[in-house]
Amino acid sequence: MKLSKFLKDRGLFLSINLILALPIVLIMVAFKFKIELIAIIMFIWFVPLMSYILLEFNHKKKFYNEL
């Protein structure tokens, strides 16, 4: 299993997270949050998300390699 194919399979999940993050960023910009704070919040949002996706990919890759 390739990472690119796995990411295409998880496209809806990633799209939903991006769609949810966009209004949050826009609200923070409207309330004049510092750009550094917005970046930290998005980092806190997306690092666990990417970690989860990579761990799931690793698990599925091991499964398919054993078949």
N, C-alpha and C. Protein backbone atom coordinates (compact mmCIF):
# COMPACT_ATOMS: atom_id res chain seq x y z
N MET A 1 0.84 -1.18 0.00
CA MET A 1 0.00 0.00 0.00
C MET A 1 0.89 1.24 0.00
N LYS A 2 0.57 2.18 -0.87
CA LYS A 2 1.33 3.41 -0.97
C LYS A 2 0.66 4.51 -0.15
N LEU A 3 1.48 5.42 0.35
CA LEU A 3 0.97 6.52 1.15
C LEU A 3 0.03 7.40 0.34
N SER A 4 0.34 7.63 -0.91
CA SER A 4 -0.53 8.48 -1.74
C SER A 4 -1.92 7.87 -1.90
N LYS A 5 -2.00 6.56 -2.09
CA LYS A 5 -3.30 5.90 -2.20
C LYS A 5 -4.05 5.95 -0.88
N PHE A 6 -3.32 5.75 0.20
CA PHE A 6 -3.94 5.80 1.53
C PHE A 6 -4.51 7.20 1.80
N LEU A 7 -3.76 8.25 1.42
CA LEU A 7 -4.24 9.62 1.64
C LEU A 7 -5.46 9.91 0.77
N LYS A 8 -5.51 9.34 -0.43
CA LYS A 8 -6.70 9.51 -1.26
C LYS A 8 -7.90 8.85 -0.61
N ASP A 9 -7.69 7.69 0.01
CA ASP A 9 -8.76 7.01 0.72
C ASP A 9 -9.24 7.82 1.93
N ARG A 10 -8.34 8.55 2.56
CA ARG A 10 -8.67 9.35 3.73
C ARG A 10 -9.01 10.79 3.36
N GLY A 11 -9.23 11.05 2.08
CA GLY A 11 -9.48 12.39 1.58
C GLY A 11 -10.66 13.07 2.23
N LEU A 12 -11.76 12.35 2.44
CA LEU A 12 -12.94 12.94 3.07
C LEU A 12 -12.62 13.36 4.50
N PHE A 13 -11.93 12.52 5.22
CA PHE A 13 -11.54 12.82 6.60
C PHE A 13 -10.67 14.06 6.66
N LEU A 14 -9.69 14.14 5.77
CA LEU A 14 -8.81 15.31 5.72
C LEU A 14 -9.56 16.56 5.28
N SER A 15 -10.45 16.41 4.32
CA SER A 15 -11.23 17.55 3.84
C SER A 15 -12.13 18.12 4.94
N ILE A 16 -12.75 17.25 5.69
CA ILE A 16 -13.61 17.71 6.78
C ILE A 16 -12.80 18.48 7.81
N ASN A 17 -11.63 17.99 8.13
CA ASN A 17 -10.78 18.70 9.09
C ASN A 17 -10.35 20.06 8.56
N LEU A 18 -10.01 20.14 7.29
CA LEU A 18 -9.64 21.43 6.70
C LEU A 18 -10.83 22.38 6.66
N ILE A 19 -12.00 21.86 6.32
CA ILE A 19 -13.21 22.69 6.28
C ILE A 19 -13.55 23.20 7.68
N LEU A 20 -13.34 22.39 8.70
CA LEU A 20 -13.59 22.83 10.08
C LEU A 20 -12.54 23.82 10.56
N ALA A 21 -11.32 23.67 10.11
CA ALA A 21 -10.25 24.56 10.56
C ALA A 21 -10.37 25.95 9.95
N LEU A 22 -10.84 26.03 8.72
CA LEU A 22 -10.92 27.31 8.04
C LEU A 22 -11.79 28.34 8.77
N PRO A 23 -13.02 28.01 9.16
CA PRO A 23 -13.82 29.01 9.89
C PRO A 23 -13.19 29.38 11.24
N ILE A 24 -12.54 28.43 11.87
CA ILE A 24 -11.89 28.72 13.14
C ILE A 24 -10.79 29.76 12.94
N VAL A 25 -10.00 29.58 11.89
CA VAL A 25 -8.93 30.54 11.59
C VAL A 25 -9.54 31.90 11.25
N LEU A 26 -10.58 31.90 10.45
CA LEU A 26 -11.21 33.16 10.07
C LEU A 26 -11.78 33.91 11.28
N ILE A 27 -12.36 33.18 12.20
CA ILE A 27 -12.87 33.81 13.42
C ILE A 27 -11.73 34.39 14.24
N MET A 28 -10.64 33.65 14.35
CA MET A 28 -9.50 34.16 15.11
C MET A 28 -8.90 35.40 14.44
N VAL A 29 -8.87 35.41 13.12
CA VAL A 29 -8.38 36.60 12.41
C VAL A 29 -9.33 37.77 12.63
N ALA A 30 -10.63 37.51 12.61
CA ALA A 30 -11.62 38.57 12.82
C ALA A 30 -11.49 39.17 14.22
N PHE A 31 -11.14 38.35 15.20
CA PHE A 31 -10.96 38.84 16.57
C PHE A 31 -9.53 39.30 16.83
N LYS A 32 -8.75 39.38 15.76
CA LYS A 32 -7.39 39.93 15.79
C LYS A 32 -6.45 39.18 16.74
N PHE A 33 -6.52 37.85 16.66
CA PHE A 33 -5.54 37.03 17.37
C PHE A 33 -4.20 37.23 16.70
N LYS A 34 -3.14 37.09 17.46
CA LYS A 34 -1.81 37.17 16.87
C LYS A 34 -1.61 35.96 15.96
N ILE A 35 -0.90 36.20 14.86
CA ILE A 35 -0.66 35.15 13.88
C ILE A 35 0.10 33.98 14.51
N GLU A 36 0.97 34.28 15.47
CA GLU A 36 1.72 33.22 16.14
C GLU A 36 0.78 32.30 16.92
N LEU A 37 -0.22 32.88 17.57
CA LEU A 37 -1.18 32.08 18.33
C LEU A 37 -2.02 31.22 17.39
N ILE A 38 -2.43 31.78 16.27
CA ILE A 38 -3.19 31.01 15.29
C ILE A 38 -2.36 29.84 14.78
N ALA A 39 -1.08 30.09 14.50
CA ALA A 39 -0.20 29.03 14.02
C ALA A 39 -0.03 27.93 15.07
N ILE A 40 0.10 28.32 16.33
CA ILE A 40 0.24 27.33 17.41
C ILE A 40 -1.02 26.48 17.54
N ILE A 41 -2.18 27.13 17.46
CA ILE A 41 -3.45 26.40 17.57
C ILE A 41 -3.61 25.43 16.40
N MET A 42 -3.27 25.86 15.20
CA MET A 42 -3.36 24.97 14.03
C MET A 42 -2.34 23.83 14.13
N PHE A 43 -1.18 24.13 14.69
CA PHE A 43 -0.17 23.09 14.91
C PHE A 43 -0.72 22.04 15.88
N ILE A 44 -1.34 22.51 16.96
CA ILE A 44 -1.93 21.60 17.95
C ILE A 44 -3.06 20.80 17.32
N TRP A 45 -3.77 21.38 16.36
CA TRP A 45 -4.87 20.69 15.68
C TRP A 45 -4.34 19.62 14.72
N PHE A 46 -3.35 19.98 13.89
CA PHE A 46 -2.96 19.11 12.80
C PHE A 46 -1.86 18.11 13.13
N VAL A 47 -1.03 18.35 14.11
CA VAL A 47 0.01 17.37 14.45
C VAL A 47 -0.61 16.05 14.95
N PRO A 48 -1.55 16.10 15.90
CA PRO A 48 -2.18 14.82 16.29
C PRO A 48 -2.94 14.17 15.13
N LEU A 49 -3.55 14.98 14.29
CA LEU A 49 -4.27 14.44 13.13
C LEU A 49 -3.31 13.70 12.20
N MET A 50 -2.20 14.32 11.87
CA MET A 50 -1.22 13.69 10.98
C MET A 50 -0.58 12.48 11.66
N SER A 51 -0.35 12.56 12.96
CA SER A 51 0.20 11.41 13.69
C SER A 51 -0.75 10.23 13.62
N TYR A 52 -2.03 10.50 13.81
CA TYR A 52 -3.04 9.44 13.73
C TYR A 52 -3.07 8.81 12.34
N ILE A 53 -3.04 9.65 11.31
CA ILE A 53 -3.08 9.14 9.95
C ILE A 53 -1.84 8.30 9.64
N LEU A 54 -0.68 8.75 10.06
CA LEU A 54 0.55 7.98 9.81
C LEU A 54 0.56 6.67 10.59
N LEU A 55 0.07 6.69 11.82
CA LEU A 55 -0.01 5.44 12.59
C LEU A 55 -0.99 4.46 11.95
N GLU A 56 -2.12 4.98 11.50
CA GLU A 56 -3.09 4.11 10.84
C GLU A 56 -2.52 3.55 9.53
N PHE A 57 -1.80 4.39 8.78
CA PHE A 57 -1.16 3.93 7.55
C PHE A 57 -0.17 2.81 7.86
N ASN A 58 0.65 3.01 8.88
CA ASN A 58 1.64 2.00 9.25
C ASN A 58 0.96 0.69 9.64
N HIS A 59 -0.13 0.77 10.37
CA HIS A 59 -0.87 -0.42 10.78
C HIS A 59 -1.45 -1.14 9.56
N LYS A 60 -2.07 -0.40 8.65
CA LYS A 60 -2.66 -1.02 7.46
C LYS A 60 -1.59 -1.58 6.53
N LYS A 61 -0.45 -0.88 6.44
CA LYS A 61 0.62 -1.36 5.58
C LYS A 61 1.15 -2.70 6.09
N LYS A 62 1.32 -2.81 7.41
CA LYS A 62 1.76 -4.09 7.97
C LYS A 62 0.74 -5.18 7.68
N PHE A 63 -0.54 -4.85 7.82
CA PHE A 63 -1.60 -5.83 7.57
C PHE A 63 -1.54 -6.33 6.13
N TYR A 64 -1.45 -5.39 5.16
CA TYR A 64 -1.45 -5.80 3.76
C TYR A 64 -0.15 -6.47 3.33
N ASN A 65 0.95 -6.15 4.00
CA ASN A 65 2.20 -6.82 3.68
C ASN A 65 2.19 -8.28 4.14
N GLU A 66 1.44 -8.57 5.21
CA GLU A 66 1.35 -9.93 5.71
C GLU A 66 0.46 -10.81 4.85
N LEU A 67 -0.42 -10.22 4.07
CA LEU A 67 -1.34 -11.02 3.23
C LEU A 67 -0.62 -11.72 2.12
